Amino acid sequence: MSRDLRPPVDILHYEIVQEQASALGRMGRALEQSLTRLREFDAAHGSSEVPASMQPARRKLVMEAGHALWMFVVQREACGLRDSRHIMRTYDVPSEVQRCMGLAPAPSKPAS
């Protein structure tokens, strides 16, 4: 039976870094998925204006993508990666998604 001779703090640091990398990957995939849903919605409704009846659904997708972007940026910053311009270019994040990044969704109204 082999025994790990590293100091406990080194072992803990290694595990923390592993979890940070795993969380970063999850957040990146969540951003990709939310941007894909938004792009698919836009493709299904053509390049013209979205009908008024579909605007709430599209707005919800934009807000979800903004939340996913926020979560990814925060996780990257926790890992020491401070420049988010790279994310915006690599993932081709629309400016409307960037503008709603970090906004909390509006509370739902109670049914009357």
C-alpha atoms as a PDB file:
ATOM      1  CA  MET A   1       0.000   0.000   0.000  1.00  0.00           C
ATOM      2  CA  SER A   2       1.509   3.302  -1.054  1.00  0.00           C
ATOM      3  CA  ARG A   3       1.242   6.321   1.166  1.00  0.00           C
ATOM      4  CA  ASP A   4       1.005   9.842  -0.180  1.00  0.00           C
ATOM      5  CA  LEU A   5       3.944  11.734   1.339  1.00  0.00           C
ATOM      6  CA  ARG A   6       2.796  15.184   0.286  1.00  0.00           C
ATOM      7  CA  PRO A   7       1.781  17.597   3.024  1.00  0.00           C
ATOM      8  CA  PRO A   8      -1.998  17.657   3.636  1.00  0.00           C
ATOM      9  CA  VAL A   9      -2.207  21.276   2.489  1.00  0.00           C
ATOM     10  CA  ASP A  10      -0.789  20.290  -0.919  1.00  0.00           C
ATOM     11  CA  ILE A  11      -3.318  17.491  -1.252  1.00  0.00           C
ATOM     12  CA  LEU A  12      -6.148  19.860  -0.346  1.00  0.00           C
ATOM     13  CA  HIS A  13      -4.906  22.491  -2.810  1.00  0.00           C
ATOM     14  CA  TYR A  14      -4.814  19.888  -5.582  1.00  0.00           C
ATOM     15  CA  GLU A  15      -8.404  18.862  -4.866  1.00  0.00           C
ATOM     16  CA  ILE A  16      -9.571  22.486  -4.816  1.00  0.00           C
ATOM     17  CA  VAL A  17      -7.926  23.158  -8.179  1.00  0.00           C
ATOM     18  CA  GLN A  18      -9.570  20.020  -9.607  1.00  0.00           C
ATOM     19  CA  GLU A  19     -12.992  21.199  -8.458  1.00  0.00           C
ATOM     20  CA  GLN A  20     -12.396  24.695  -9.848  1.00  0.00           C
ATOM     21  CA  ALA A  21     -11.523  23.221 -13.244  1.00  0.00           C
ATOM     22  CA  SER A  22     -14.568  20.959 -13.167  1.00  0.00           C
ATOM     23  CA  ALA A  23     -16.877  23.846 -12.246  1.00  0.00           C
ATOM     24  CA  LEU A  24     -15.326  26.004 -14.971  1.00  0.00           C
ATOM     25  CA  GLY A  25     -16.093  23.303 -17.528  1.00  0.00           C
ATOM     26  CA  ARG A  26     -19.691  22.961 -16.313  1.00  0.00           C
ATOM     27  CA  MET A  27     -20.246  26.712 -16.475  1.00  0.00           C
ATOM     28  CA  GLY A  28     -18.743  26.905 -19.976  1.00  0.00           C
ATOM     29  CA  ARG A  29     -20.995  24.105 -21.215  1.00  0.00           C
ATOM     30  CA  ALA A  30     -24.046  25.777 -19.641  1.00  0.00           C
ATOM     31  CA  LEU A  31     -23.192  29.016 -21.460  1.00  0.00           C
ATOM     32  CA  GLU A  32     -22.764  27.170 -24.759  1.00  0.00           C
ATOM     33  CA  GLN A  33     -26.121  25.432 -24.319  1.00  0.00           C
ATOM     34  CA  SER A  34     -28.009  28.607 -23.457  1.00  0.00           C
ATOM     35  CA  LEU A  35     -26.482  30.487 -26.397  1.00  0.00           C
ATOM     36  CA  THR A  36     -27.376  27.574 -28.686  1.00  0.00           C
ATOM     37  CA  ARG A  37     -31.012  27.675 -27.530  1.00  0.00           C
ATOM     38  CA  LEU A  38     -31.144  31.424 -28.220  1.00  0.00           C
ATOM     39  CA  ARG A  39     -29.575  31.036 -31.664  1.00  0.00           C
ATOM     40  CA  GLU A  40     -31.929  28.168 -32.543  1.00  0.00           C
ATOM     41  CA  PHE A  41     -34.907  30.292 -31.496  1.00  0.00           C
ATOM     42  CA  ASP A  42     -33.685  33.170 -33.648  1.00  0.00           C
ATOM     43  CA  ALA A  43     -33.054  30.847 -36.606  1.00  0.00           C
ATOM     44  CA  ALA A  44     -36.545  29.342 -36.304  1.00  0.00           C
ATOM     45  CA  HIS A  45     -38.150  32.776 -36.370  1.00  0.00           C
ATOM     46  CA  GLY A  46     -36.066  34.236 -39.185  1.00  0.00           C
ATOM     47  CA  SER A  47     -33.992  37.366 -39.216  1.00  0.00           C
ATOM     48  CA  SER A  48     -37.038  39.636 -39.126  1.00  0.00           C
ATOM     49  CA  GLU A  49     -38.604  41.032 -35.981  1.00  0.00           C
ATOM     50  CA  VAL A  50     -39.827  38.440 -33.503  1.00  0.00           C
ATOM     51  CA  PRO A  51     -43.636  38.553 -33.281  1.00  0.00           C
ATOM     52  CA  ALA A  52     -44.987  40.216 -30.146  1.00  0.00           C
ATOM     53  CA  SER A  53     -46.427  36.908 -28.962  1.00  0.00           C
ATOM     54  CA  MET A  54     -42.951  35.328 -29.017  1.00  0.00           C
ATOM     55  CA  GLN A  55     -41.014  38.193 -27.412  1.00  0.00           C
ATOM     56  CA  PRO A  56     -41.473  36.954 -23.811  1.00  0.00           C
ATOM     57  CA  ALA A  57     -40.070  33.536 -24.784  1.00  0.00           C
ATOM     58  CA  ARG A  58     -37.086  35.141 -26.479  1.00  0.00           C
ATOM     59  CA  ARG A  59     -36.528  37.508 -23.569  1.00  0.00           C
ATOM     60  CA  LYS A  60     -36.468  34.495 -21.238  1.00  0.00           C
ATOM     61  CA  LEU A  61     -33.773  32.852 -23.397  1.00  0.00           C
ATOM     62  CA  VAL A  62     -31.715  36.065 -23.374  1.00  0.00           C
ATOM     63  CA  MET A  63     -31.998  36.288 -19.578  1.00  0.00           C
ATOM     64  CA  GLU A  64     -31.009  32.615 -19.171  1.00  0.00           C
ATOM     65  CA  ALA A  65     -27.978  33.178 -21.395  1.00  0.00           C
ATOM     66  CA  GLY A  66     -27.103  36.300 -19.386  1.00  0.00           C
ATOM     67  CA  HIS A  67     -27.252  34.302 -16.170  1.00  0.00           C
ATOM     68  CA  ALA A  68     -25.102  31.522 -17.646  1.00  0.00           C
ATOM     69  CA  LEU A  69     -22.602  34.134 -18.848  1.00  0.00           C
ATOM     70  CA  TRP A  70     -22.484  35.695 -15.379  1.00  0.00           C
ATOM     71  CA  MET A  71     -21.881  32.318 -13.721  1.00  0.00           C
ATOM     72  CA  PHE A  72     -19.074  31.524 -16.168  1.00  0.00           C
ATOM     73  CA  VAL A  73     -17.389  34.918 -15.728  1.00  0.00           C
ATOM     74  CA  VAL A  74     -17.544  34.611 -11.932  1.00  0.00           C
ATOM     75  CA  GLN A  75     -16.085  31.083 -12.033  1.00  0.00           C
ATOM     76  CA  ARG A  76     -13.280  32.226 -14.349  1.00  0.00           C
ATOM     77  CA  GLU A  77     -12.473  35.108 -12.016  1.00  0.00           C
ATOM     78  CA  ALA A  78     -12.389  32.701  -9.073  1.00  0.00           C
ATOM     79  CA  CYS A  79      -9.742  30.785 -11.030  1.00  0.00           C
ATOM     80  CA  GLY A  80      -7.725  33.965 -11.585  1.00  0.00           C
ATOM     81  CA  LEU A  81      -8.817  34.574 -15.186  1.00  0.00           C
ATOM     82  CA  ARG A  82      -9.874  38.203 -15.090  1.00  0.00           C
ATOM     83  CA  ASP A  83     -10.244  39.227 -18.746  1.00  0.00           C
ATOM     84  CA  SER A  84     -13.725  38.341 -20.011  1.00  0.00           C
ATOM     85  CA  ARG A  85     -13.209  39.799 -23.505  1.00  0.00           C
ATOM     86  CA  HIS A  86     -11.874  36.408 -24.569  1.00  0.00           C
ATOM     87  CA  ILE A  87     -15.187  34.770 -23.589  1.00  0.00           C
ATOM     88  CA  MET A  88     -17.224  37.311 -25.525  1.00  0.00           C
ATOM     89  CA  ARG A  89     -15.206  36.684 -28.698  1.00  0.00           C
ATOM     90  CA  THR A  90     -14.819  32.911 -28.373  1.00  0.00           C
ATOM     91  CA  TYR A  91     -18.466  32.222 -27.583  1.00  0.00           C
ATOM     92  CA  ASP A  92     -19.705  35.059 -29.841  1.00  0.00           C
ATOM     93  CA  VAL A  93     -21.897  36.395 -27.037  1.00  0.00           C
ATOM     94  CA  PRO A  94     -24.525  38.842 -28.354  1.00  0.00           C
ATOM     95  CA  SER A  95     -24.414  42.319 -26.867  1.00  0.00           C
ATOM     96  CA  GLU A  96     -27.961  41.978 -25.509  1.00  0.00           C
ATOM     97  CA  VAL A  97     -26.842  38.938 -23.501  1.00  0.00           C
ATOM     98  CA  GLN A  98     -23.802  40.844 -22.237  1.00  0.00           C
ATOM     99  CA  ARG A  99     -26.028  43.722 -21.115  1.00  0.00           C
ATOM    100  CA  CYS A 100     -28.247  41.478 -18.973  1.00  0.00           C
ATOM    101  CA  MET A 101     -25.329  39.561 -17.451  1.00  0.00           C
ATOM    102  CA  GLY A 102     -25.771  39.373 -13.696  1.00  0.00           C
ATOM    103  CA  LEU A 103     -29.307  40.716 -13.643  1.00  0.00           C
ATOM    104  CA  ALA A 104     -31.622  38.867 -11.319  1.00  0.00           C
ATOM    105  CA  PRO A 105     -34.812  37.635 -12.945  1.00  0.00           C
ATOM    106  CA  ALA A 106     -37.940  39.555 -12.037  1.00  0.00           C
ATOM    107  CA  PRO A 107     -39.938  37.922  -9.252  1.00  0.00           C
ATOM    108  CA  SER A 108     -43.016  36.126 -10.462  1.00  0.00           C
ATOM    109  CA  LYS A 109     -46.342  37.725  -9.636  1.00  0.00           C
ATOM    110  CA  PRO A 110     -48.669  35.780  -7.382  1.00  0.00           C
ATOM    111  CA  ALA A 111     -51.773  34.420  -9.085  1.00  0.00           C
ATOM    112  CA  SER A 112     -54.977  36.329  -8.311  1.00  0.00           C
END
